[in-house]
Amino acid sequence: MPLLEVVQTRQVSASIRLTDSTATQVDQYASFISACADDVVEQALAYVFSKDRDFQDFLKTPQAKQATSTLRIRKGPVAETAEPLRRKPANVPQSAVQTPTAVAGLKA
């Protein structure tokens, strides 16, 4: 029996727009926890989704399955790697934040 269990998840790249202040805070939080901005966005959304009881109830309804996709998914290569690509941690200076800022959101 192996000592480690590696869970592989399918990830997609998506573009989102954020305000300057939110993008700056995502970068600052990523620096604070020594992670990349993608991980901050992924974990923040997962946290909100899991804590919102009304949303959890909504997910059990037929309307949830009929939700219109508004997320702009970027089409990538067909073959996915076994290990997700890691992006450089968000240690960029604040002056590097652009409006509107595109941050890749990951969806597990």
C-alpha atoms as a PDB file:
ATOM      1  CA  MET A   1       0.000   0.000   0.000  1.00  0.00           C
ATOM      2  CA  PRO A   2       1.465   3.410  -0.964  1.00  0.00           C
ATOM      3  CA  LEU A   3       2.282   5.919   1.762  1.00  0.00           C
ATOM      4  CA  LEU A   4       1.037   8.854  -0.302  1.00  0.00           C
ATOM      5  CA  GLU A   5      -2.203   9.354  -2.149  1.00  0.00           C
ATOM      6  CA  VAL A   6      -1.948  11.850  -4.983  1.00  0.00           C
ATOM      7  CA  VAL A   7      -5.271  13.338  -6.000  1.00  0.00           C
ATOM      8  CA  GLN A   8      -5.228  14.667  -9.531  1.00  0.00           C
ATOM      9  CA  THR A   9      -7.665  17.421 -10.365  1.00  0.00           C
ATOM     10  CA  ARG A  10      -8.645  18.870 -13.713  1.00  0.00           C
ATOM     11  CA  GLN A  11      -7.921  22.560 -13.895  1.00  0.00           C
ATOM     12  CA  VAL A  12      -8.985  25.125 -16.462  1.00  0.00           C
ATOM     13  CA  SER A  13      -7.725  28.629 -17.111  1.00  0.00           C
ATOM     14  CA  ALA A  14     -10.237  31.434 -17.048  1.00  0.00           C
ATOM     15  CA  SER A  15     -10.054  35.203 -17.295  1.00  0.00           C
ATOM     16  CA  ILE A  16     -11.752  37.431 -14.746  1.00  0.00           C
ATOM     17  CA  ARG A  17     -11.718  41.171 -14.185  1.00  0.00           C
ATOM     18  CA  LEU A  18     -11.036  42.688 -10.776  1.00  0.00           C
ATOM     19  CA  THR A  19     -10.862  46.210  -9.462  1.00  0.00           C
ATOM     20  CA  ASP A  20      -7.376  47.620  -8.923  1.00  0.00           C
ATOM     21  CA  SER A  21      -7.727  47.393  -5.160  1.00  0.00           C
ATOM     22  CA  THR A  22      -8.909  43.772  -5.215  1.00  0.00           C
ATOM     23  CA  ALA A  23      -6.119  42.735  -7.593  1.00  0.00           C
ATOM     24  CA  THR A  24      -3.579  44.435  -5.357  1.00  0.00           C
ATOM     25  CA  GLN A  25      -4.970  42.660  -2.303  1.00  0.00           C
ATOM     26  CA  VAL A  26      -4.878  39.284  -4.095  1.00  0.00           C
ATOM     27  CA  ASP A  27      -1.196  39.876  -4.863  1.00  0.00           C
ATOM     28  CA  GLN A  28      -0.528  41.067  -1.317  1.00  0.00           C
ATOM     29  CA  TYR A  29      -2.324  38.070   0.205  1.00  0.00           C
ATOM     30  CA  ALA A  30      -0.419  35.716  -2.106  1.00  0.00           C
ATOM     31  CA  SER A  31       2.834  37.279  -0.924  1.00  0.00           C
ATOM     32  CA  PHE A  32       1.654  37.057   2.704  1.00  0.00           C
ATOM     33  CA  ILE A  33       1.060  33.280   2.452  1.00  0.00           C
ATOM     34  CA  SER A  34       3.903  32.597  -0.034  1.00  0.00           C
ATOM     35  CA  ALA A  35       1.545  31.331  -2.708  1.00  0.00           C
ATOM     36  CA  CYS A  36       0.535  32.340  -6.199  1.00  0.00           C
ATOM     37  CA  ALA A  37      -2.466  34.536  -6.999  1.00  0.00           C
ATOM     38  CA  ASP A  38      -4.246  31.591  -8.634  1.00  0.00           C
ATOM     39  CA  ASP A  39      -4.155  29.652  -5.362  1.00  0.00           C
ATOM     40  CA  VAL A  40      -5.500  32.648  -3.423  1.00  0.00           C
ATOM     41  CA  VAL A  41      -8.459  33.031  -5.786  1.00  0.00           C
ATOM     42  CA  GLU A  42      -9.120  29.263  -5.872  1.00  0.00           C
ATOM     43  CA  GLN A  43      -9.046  28.844  -2.104  1.00  0.00           C
ATOM     44  CA  ALA A  44     -11.012  32.031  -1.400  1.00  0.00           C
ATOM     45  CA  LEU A  45     -13.806  30.946  -3.732  1.00  0.00           C
ATOM     46  CA  ALA A  46     -13.819  27.391  -2.352  1.00  0.00           C
ATOM     47  CA  TYR A  47     -14.085  28.842   1.174  1.00  0.00           C
ATOM     48  CA  VAL A  48     -16.995  31.136   0.304  1.00  0.00           C
ATOM     49  CA  PHE A  49     -18.846  28.402  -1.587  1.00  0.00           C
ATOM     50  CA  SER A  50     -18.486  25.953   1.308  1.00  0.00           C
ATOM     51  CA  LYS A  51     -19.594  28.470   3.973  1.00  0.00           C
ATOM     52  CA  ASP A  52     -22.638  29.901   2.166  1.00  0.00           C
ATOM     53  CA  ARG A  53     -25.538  27.710   3.316  1.00  0.00           C
ATOM     54  CA  ASP A  54     -28.024  29.308   0.910  1.00  0.00           C
ATOM     55  CA  PHE A  55     -25.676  28.538  -1.976  1.00  0.00           C
ATOM     56  CA  GLN A  56     -25.308  24.931  -0.782  1.00  0.00           C
ATOM     57  CA  ASP A  57     -29.110  24.635  -0.792  1.00  0.00           C
ATOM     58  CA  PHE A  58     -29.241  26.183  -4.273  1.00  0.00           C
ATOM     59  CA  LEU A  59     -26.786  23.563  -5.578  1.00  0.00           C
ATOM     60  CA  LYS A  60     -29.360  20.881  -4.759  1.00  0.00           C
ATOM     61  CA  THR A  61     -31.979  22.463  -7.026  1.00  0.00           C
ATOM     62  CA  PRO A  62     -32.573  21.888 -10.755  1.00  0.00           C
ATOM     63  CA  GLN A  63     -31.812  25.589 -11.365  1.00  0.00           C
ATOM     64  CA  ALA A  64     -28.192  25.041 -10.346  1.00  0.00           C
ATOM     65  CA  LYS A  65     -27.737  22.513 -13.136  1.00  0.00           C
ATOM     66  CA  GLN A  66     -29.221  24.989 -15.642  1.00  0.00           C
ATOM     67  CA  ALA A  67     -27.004  27.937 -14.659  1.00  0.00           C
ATOM     68  CA  THR A  68     -25.649  29.817 -17.668  1.00  0.00           C
ATOM     69  CA  SER A  69     -21.862  29.858 -17.870  1.00  0.00           C
ATOM     70  CA  THR A  70     -20.478  33.393 -17.875  1.00  0.00           C
ATOM     71  CA  LEU A  71     -16.885  32.492 -17.015  1.00  0.00           C
ATOM     72  CA  ARG A  72     -14.493  33.027 -19.919  1.00  0.00           C
ATOM     73  CA  ILE A  73     -12.662  29.690 -20.122  1.00  0.00           C
ATOM     74  CA  ARG A  74      -9.453  29.742 -22.145  1.00  0.00           C
ATOM     75  CA  LYS A  75      -9.068  26.804 -24.477  1.00  0.00           C
ATOM     76  CA  GLY A  76      -5.736  25.086 -23.867  1.00  0.00           C
ATOM     77  CA  PRO A  77      -3.905  22.058 -25.170  1.00  0.00           C
ATOM     78  CA  VAL A  78      -5.850  18.805 -25.279  1.00  0.00           C
ATOM     79  CA  ALA A  79      -3.303  16.785 -23.290  1.00  0.00           C
ATOM     80  CA  GLU A  80      -3.233  17.844 -19.669  1.00  0.00           C
ATOM     81  CA  THR A  81      -0.200  17.311 -17.510  1.00  0.00           C
ATOM     82  CA  ALA A  82      -0.404  15.111 -14.441  1.00  0.00           C
ATOM     83  CA  GLU A  83       0.959  17.922 -12.282  1.00  0.00           C
ATOM     84  CA  PRO A  84      -0.544  21.412 -12.562  1.00  0.00           C
ATOM     85  CA  LEU A  85       1.777  24.120 -13.788  1.00  0.00           C
ATOM     86  CA  ARG A  86       2.915  26.369 -10.962  1.00  0.00           C
ATOM     87  CA  ARG A  87       3.037  30.049 -11.627  1.00  0.00           C
ATOM     88  CA  LYS A  88       5.559  32.402 -10.126  1.00  0.00           C
ATOM     89  CA  PRO A  89       4.401  33.642  -6.701  1.00  0.00           C
ATOM     90  CA  ALA A  90       2.803  37.052  -6.825  1.00  0.00           C
ATOM     91  CA  ASN A  91       5.760  39.107  -5.584  1.00  0.00           C
ATOM     92  CA  VAL A  92       5.287  41.713  -8.280  1.00  0.00           C
ATOM     93  CA  PRO A  93       5.481  45.357  -7.338  1.00  0.00           C
ATOM     94  CA  GLN A  94       2.191  47.159  -6.873  1.00  0.00           C
ATOM     95  CA  SER A  95       2.898  49.239  -9.983  1.00  0.00           C
ATOM     96  CA  ALA A  96       2.576  46.073 -12.079  1.00  0.00           C
ATOM     97  CA  VAL A  97      -1.176  45.844 -11.407  1.00  0.00           C
ATOM     98  CA  GLN A  98      -3.189  46.817 -14.479  1.00  0.00           C
ATOM     99  CA  THR A  99      -6.798  47.844 -15.016  1.00  0.00           C
ATOM    100  CA  PRO A 100      -8.803  45.753 -15.688  1.00  0.00           C
ATOM    101  CA  THR A 101      -6.612  43.079 -14.170  1.00  0.00           C
ATOM    102  CA  ALA A 102      -6.909  39.609 -15.591  1.00  0.00           C
ATOM    103  CA  VAL A 103      -6.292  36.954 -12.990  1.00  0.00           C
ATOM    104  CA  ALA A 104      -6.477  33.300 -13.888  1.00  0.00           C
ATOM    105  CA  GLY A 105      -9.161  31.595 -11.838  1.00  0.00           C
ATOM    106  CA  LEU A 106      -8.883  27.888 -11.381  1.00  0.00           C
ATOM    107  CA  LYS A 107     -11.738  25.541 -11.176  1.00  0.00           C
ATOM    108  CA  ALA A 108     -11.166  22.149  -9.667  1.00  0.00           C
END
